[in-house]
N, C-alpha and C. Protein backbone atom coordinates (compact mmCIF):
# COMPACT_ATOMS: atom_id res chain seq x y z
N MET A 1 157.31 121.55 138.68
CA MET A 1 156.58 122.70 138.65
C MET A 1 156.42 122.95 137.07
N MET A 2 155.25 123.54 136.68
CA MET A 2 154.99 123.77 135.23
C MET A 2 155.46 125.11 134.91
N THR A 3 156.01 125.16 133.67
CA THR A 3 156.47 126.46 133.08
C THR A 3 155.25 127.30 132.62
N ASN A 4 155.57 128.47 132.43
CA ASN A 4 154.47 129.39 131.96
C ASN A 4 153.95 128.85 130.65
N GLU A 5 154.81 128.34 129.78
CA GLU A 5 154.43 127.78 128.50
C GLU A 5 153.49 126.64 128.61
N GLU A 6 153.86 125.81 129.61
CA GLU A 6 153.02 124.57 129.74
C GLU A 6 151.64 125.03 130.39
N ILE A 7 151.65 125.90 131.20
CA ILE A 7 150.40 126.45 131.78
C ILE A 7 149.52 127.01 130.76
N GLU A 8 150.20 127.84 129.79
CA GLU A 8 149.46 128.47 128.70
C GLU A 8 148.87 127.41 127.80
N ARG A 9 149.64 126.33 127.47
CA ARG A 9 149.21 125.22 126.56
C ARG A 9 147.92 124.61 127.32
N ASN A 10 148.09 124.21 128.58
CA ASN A 10 146.96 123.72 129.29
C ASN A 10 145.78 124.57 129.20
N PHE A 11 145.93 125.83 129.46
CA PHE A 11 144.89 126.73 129.45
C PHE A 11 144.24 126.76 128.07
N GLU A 12 145.10 126.85 127.01
CA GLU A 12 144.58 126.78 125.66
C GLU A 12 143.77 125.57 125.37
N PHE A 13 144.35 124.45 125.79
CA PHE A 13 143.65 123.16 125.51
C PHE A 13 142.23 123.15 126.28
N ILE A 14 142.18 123.69 127.45
CA ILE A 14 140.91 123.80 128.27
C ILE A 14 140.00 124.71 127.54
N VAL A 15 140.36 125.81 127.04
CA VAL A 15 139.52 126.74 126.32
C VAL A 15 139.03 126.17 125.11
N ASN A 16 139.95 125.43 124.27
CA ASN A 16 139.49 124.77 123.08
C ASN A 16 138.42 123.65 123.35
N GLN A 17 138.73 122.86 124.41
CA GLN A 17 137.69 121.82 124.76
C GLN A 17 136.42 122.39 125.25
N GLN A 18 136.45 123.57 125.92
CA GLN A 18 135.19 124.28 126.28
C GLN A 18 134.49 124.76 125.08
N ALA A 19 135.27 125.28 124.03
CA ALA A 19 134.63 125.81 122.84
C ALA A 19 133.92 124.59 122.02
N ARG A 20 134.64 123.48 122.00
CA ARG A 20 134.02 122.29 121.27
C ARG A 20 132.82 121.74 122.05
N PHE A 21 132.85 121.81 123.38
CA PHE A 21 131.81 121.39 124.14
C PHE A 21 130.52 122.29 124.03
N SER A 22 130.84 123.66 123.94
CA SER A 22 129.68 124.55 123.74
C SER A 22 129.16 124.33 122.27
N SER A 23 130.02 124.14 121.23
CA SER A 23 129.59 123.91 119.92
C SER A 23 128.73 122.66 119.89
N ASP A 24 129.25 121.55 120.42
CA ASP A 24 128.46 120.28 120.48
C ASP A 24 127.16 120.38 121.16
N LEU A 25 127.14 121.20 122.28
CA LEU A 25 125.86 121.36 123.03
C LEU A 25 124.87 122.22 122.13
N GLN A 26 125.36 123.17 121.35
CA GLN A 26 124.49 123.97 120.51
C GLN A 26 123.88 123.04 119.43
N ARG A 27 124.68 122.15 118.82
CA ARG A 27 124.25 121.32 117.81
C ARG A 27 123.17 120.29 118.36
N ILE A 28 123.42 119.81 119.66
CA ILE A 28 122.44 118.84 120.25
C ILE A 28 121.17 119.72 120.59
N SER A 29 121.32 120.89 120.94
CA SER A 29 119.99 121.71 121.19
C SER A 29 119.19 121.85 120.00
N GLU A 30 119.89 122.28 118.84
CA GLU A 30 119.24 122.40 117.61
C GLU A 30 118.55 121.06 117.11
N ALA A 31 119.27 120.01 117.34
CA ALA A 31 118.81 118.73 116.88
C ALA A 31 117.47 118.37 117.71
N GLN A 32 117.63 118.69 118.99
CA GLN A 32 116.52 118.39 119.90
C GLN A 32 115.20 119.24 119.47
N LEU A 33 115.45 120.44 119.13
CA LEU A 33 114.36 121.37 118.59
C LEU A 33 113.74 120.72 117.30
N ARG A 34 114.62 120.29 116.35
CA ARG A 34 114.12 119.65 115.19
C ARG A 34 113.37 118.42 115.53
N SER A 35 113.81 117.67 116.42
CA SER A 35 113.18 116.40 116.78
C SER A 35 111.77 116.64 117.45
N GLU A 36 111.79 117.76 118.30
CA GLU A 36 110.48 118.06 118.92
C GLU A 36 109.44 118.57 117.94
N ALA A 37 109.91 119.25 116.92
CA ALA A 37 108.98 119.71 115.86
C ALA A 37 108.55 118.47 115.05
N THR A 38 109.43 117.56 114.74
CA THR A 38 108.98 116.36 113.96
C THR A 38 107.98 115.59 114.88
N ILE A 39 108.31 115.43 116.11
CA ILE A 39 107.37 114.61 116.95
C ILE A 39 106.00 115.33 117.01
N ALA A 40 105.99 116.64 117.04
CA ALA A 40 104.70 117.35 117.02
C ALA A 40 103.89 117.02 115.78
N GLN A 41 104.66 117.04 114.64
CA GLN A 41 104.02 116.72 113.29
C GLN A 41 103.52 115.30 113.28
N VAL A 42 104.29 114.32 113.89
CA VAL A 42 103.91 112.95 113.81
C VAL A 42 102.64 112.82 114.71
N ILE A 43 102.58 113.52 115.83
CA ILE A 43 101.39 113.48 116.74
C ILE A 43 100.22 114.02 116.00
N GLN A 44 100.30 115.11 115.17
CA GLN A 44 99.29 115.60 114.39
C GLN A 44 98.73 114.56 113.45
N VAL A 45 99.73 113.92 112.78
CA VAL A 45 99.31 112.99 111.71
C VAL A 45 98.67 111.70 112.35
N LEU A 46 99.18 111.27 113.46
CA LEU A 46 98.54 110.14 114.19
C LEU A 46 97.15 110.57 114.59
N ASP A 47 96.97 111.79 115.03
CA ASP A 47 95.57 112.29 115.47
C ASP A 47 94.71 112.22 114.24
N GLN A 48 95.17 112.68 113.09
CA GLN A 48 94.32 112.58 111.92
C GLN A 48 93.95 111.19 111.55
N VAL A 49 94.93 110.33 111.61
CA VAL A 49 94.76 108.86 111.41
C VAL A 49 93.64 108.32 112.26
N ALA A 50 93.77 108.60 113.47
CA ALA A 50 92.80 108.08 114.52
C ALA A 50 91.39 108.68 114.17
N GLN A 51 91.29 110.00 113.87
CA GLN A 51 90.04 110.57 113.42
C GLN A 51 89.47 109.89 112.24
N ASN A 52 90.32 109.64 111.23
CA ASN A 52 89.89 109.01 110.01
C ASN A 52 89.44 107.59 110.22
N GLN A 53 90.08 106.90 111.20
CA GLN A 53 89.68 105.45 111.53
C GLN A 53 88.25 105.52 112.22
N VAL A 54 88.09 106.47 113.05
CA VAL A 54 86.75 106.61 113.74
C VAL A 54 85.71 106.92 112.58
N ARG A 55 85.92 107.76 111.66
CA ARG A 55 85.06 108.01 110.59
C ARG A 55 84.78 106.85 109.69
N LEU A 56 85.89 106.09 109.44
CA LEU A 56 85.78 104.90 108.62
C LEU A 56 84.94 103.82 109.34
N ALA A 57 85.17 103.69 110.70
CA ALA A 57 84.35 102.67 111.35
C ALA A 57 82.87 103.06 111.45
N GLU A 58 82.61 104.37 111.51
CA GLU A 58 81.22 104.81 111.48
C GLU A 58 80.54 104.56 110.11
N ALA A 59 81.33 104.80 109.08
CA ALA A 59 80.88 104.57 107.73
C ALA A 59 80.64 103.03 107.54
N GLN A 60 81.56 102.24 108.05
CA GLN A 60 81.36 100.82 107.83
C GLN A 60 80.15 100.40 108.66
N GLU A 61 79.79 100.91 109.76
CA GLU A 61 78.66 100.54 110.49
C GLU A 61 77.46 100.92 109.71
N ARG A 62 77.38 102.12 109.06
CA ARG A 62 76.25 102.48 108.25
C ARG A 62 76.05 101.59 107.05
N ALA A 63 77.25 101.28 106.44
CA ALA A 63 77.18 100.32 105.32
C ALA A 63 76.64 98.96 105.68
N ASP A 64 77.07 98.50 106.86
CA ASP A 64 76.60 97.22 107.30
C ASP A 64 75.14 97.24 107.63
N SER A 65 74.66 98.30 108.13
CA SER A 65 73.26 98.48 108.47
C SER A 65 72.44 98.44 107.12
N ARG A 66 72.89 99.21 106.17
CA ARG A 66 72.23 99.31 104.83
C ARG A 66 72.21 98.04 104.13
N ILE A 67 73.32 97.21 104.34
CA ILE A 67 73.39 95.91 103.66
C ILE A 67 72.36 95.04 104.30
N ALA A 68 72.19 95.10 105.71
CA ALA A 68 71.27 94.32 106.45
C ALA A 68 69.86 94.69 105.94
N GLU A 69 69.62 95.93 105.76
CA GLU A 69 68.29 96.43 105.35
C GLU A 69 68.00 95.90 103.90
N LEU A 70 69.03 95.93 103.08
CA LEU A 70 68.79 95.33 101.65
C LEU A 70 68.59 93.84 101.66
N ALA A 71 69.24 93.17 102.60
CA ALA A 71 69.07 91.75 102.67
C ALA A 71 67.58 91.44 103.19
N GLU A 72 67.11 92.20 104.10
CA GLU A 72 65.68 92.05 104.54
C GLU A 72 64.79 92.40 103.36
N ALA A 73 65.01 93.47 102.67
CA ALA A 73 64.17 93.82 101.54
C ALA A 73 64.24 92.72 100.47
N GLN A 74 65.43 92.15 100.37
CA GLN A 74 65.45 91.01 99.25
C GLN A 74 64.68 89.89 99.71
N LYS A 75 64.59 89.55 100.99
CA LYS A 75 63.83 88.43 101.54
C LYS A 75 62.42 88.62 101.23
N ARG A 76 61.96 89.88 101.48
CA ARG A 76 60.52 90.30 101.25
C ARG A 76 60.21 90.10 99.80
N THR A 77 61.21 90.55 98.96
CA THR A 77 60.94 90.46 97.42
C THR A 77 60.83 89.09 97.05
N ASP A 78 61.78 88.26 97.60
CA ASP A 78 61.69 86.82 97.25
C ASP A 78 60.40 86.18 97.68
N GLN A 79 59.91 86.58 98.87
CA GLN A 79 58.68 86.07 99.30
C GLN A 79 57.51 86.47 98.40
N THR A 80 57.49 87.74 97.98
CA THR A 80 56.44 88.27 97.27
C THR A 80 56.58 87.59 95.81
N VAL A 81 57.73 87.42 95.31
CA VAL A 81 57.86 86.70 93.93
C VAL A 81 57.37 85.22 94.14
N ALA A 82 57.73 84.61 95.16
CA ALA A 82 57.28 83.14 95.44
C ALA A 82 55.80 83.08 95.46
N GLU A 83 55.22 84.02 96.25
CA GLU A 83 53.69 84.11 96.28
C GLU A 83 53.05 84.33 94.91
N GLY A 84 53.67 85.24 94.17
CA GLY A 84 53.24 85.53 92.85
C GLY A 84 53.36 84.36 91.93
N ASN A 85 54.46 83.56 92.07
CA ASN A 85 54.54 82.44 91.33
C ASN A 85 53.54 81.34 91.64
N GLU A 86 53.25 81.15 92.91
CA GLU A 86 52.22 80.19 93.36
C GLU A 86 50.82 80.62 92.76
N ARG A 87 50.50 81.95 92.82
CA ARG A 87 49.17 82.38 92.20
C ARG A 87 49.19 82.19 90.71
N MET A 88 50.43 82.45 90.08
CA MET A 88 50.46 82.26 88.65
C MET A 88 50.26 80.76 88.31
N ASN A 89 50.90 79.83 89.02
CA ASN A 89 50.75 78.45 88.86
C ASN A 89 49.29 78.00 89.10
N SER A 90 48.66 78.54 90.03
CA SER A 90 47.30 78.23 90.31
C SER A 90 46.43 78.70 89.07
N LEU A 91 46.62 79.84 88.66
CA LEU A 91 45.88 80.41 87.52
C LEU A 91 46.04 79.47 86.32
N ILE A 92 47.38 79.12 86.05
CA ILE A 92 47.73 78.30 84.93
C ILE A 92 46.97 76.94 85.04
N LEU A 93 46.93 76.45 86.25
CA LEU A 93 46.22 75.17 86.41
C LEU A 93 44.71 75.30 86.17
N VAL A 94 44.14 76.38 86.62
CA VAL A 94 42.69 76.66 86.37
C VAL A 94 42.43 76.76 84.92
N VAL A 95 43.34 77.46 84.19
CA VAL A 95 43.13 77.69 82.76
C VAL A 95 43.30 76.38 81.93
N GLU A 96 44.39 75.71 82.37
CA GLU A 96 44.62 74.33 81.78
C GLU A 96 43.36 73.37 81.94
N ARG A 97 42.85 73.44 83.13
CA ARG A 97 41.67 72.47 83.36
C ARG A 97 40.40 73.03 82.61
N TYR A 98 40.32 74.32 82.48
CA TYR A 98 39.27 74.90 81.71
C TYR A 98 39.27 74.41 80.29
N PHE A 99 40.39 74.49 79.70
CA PHE A 99 40.65 74.13 78.31
C PHE A 99 40.59 72.61 78.12
N SER A 100 41.21 71.89 79.06
CA SER A 100 41.16 70.41 78.95
C SER A 100 39.80 69.85 79.11
N ASN A 101 38.89 70.43 79.81
CA ASN A 101 37.58 70.02 80.02
C ASN A 101 36.54 70.38 78.87
N GLY A 102 37.13 70.87 77.85
CA GLY A 102 36.29 71.15 76.69
C GLY A 102 35.57 72.43 76.77
N ARG A 103 35.91 73.35 77.50
CA ARG A 103 35.25 74.62 77.70
C ARG A 103 35.90 75.70 76.89
N GLY A 104 36.84 75.41 76.18
CA GLY A 104 37.71 76.36 75.53
C GLY A 104 37.02 76.92 74.24
N GLY A 105 35.89 76.52 73.83
CA GLY A 105 35.18 76.91 72.72
C GLY A 105 35.43 76.25 71.46
N SER A 106 36.26 75.06 71.53
CA SER A 106 36.46 74.36 70.32
C SER A 106 35.72 72.98 70.35
N GLN A 107 34.47 72.91 70.81
CA GLN A 107 33.79 71.70 70.87
C GLN A 107 33.18 71.22 69.63
């Protein structure tokens, strides 16, 4: 049989354990609240990152489209320059023939 002193020590031990358990549970609850707040912030940041990626992809599509348009315009410019060069070469040939056939005014 336990003495009153032993019962009181056991009771005190149980009360101390309960107090520690309650304190630990409070710290865990506070840590969980901080974690939930951090997770909410991370979710917001990830949402912003996803939105920025969508905007970046859209901007990239616009840039790709503009580059394709510029490439087509450059092809047209190259063709126009080539045609101009052909005309210039034809004119040069006509002028050279004109002067080489003695029509240049120095006969």
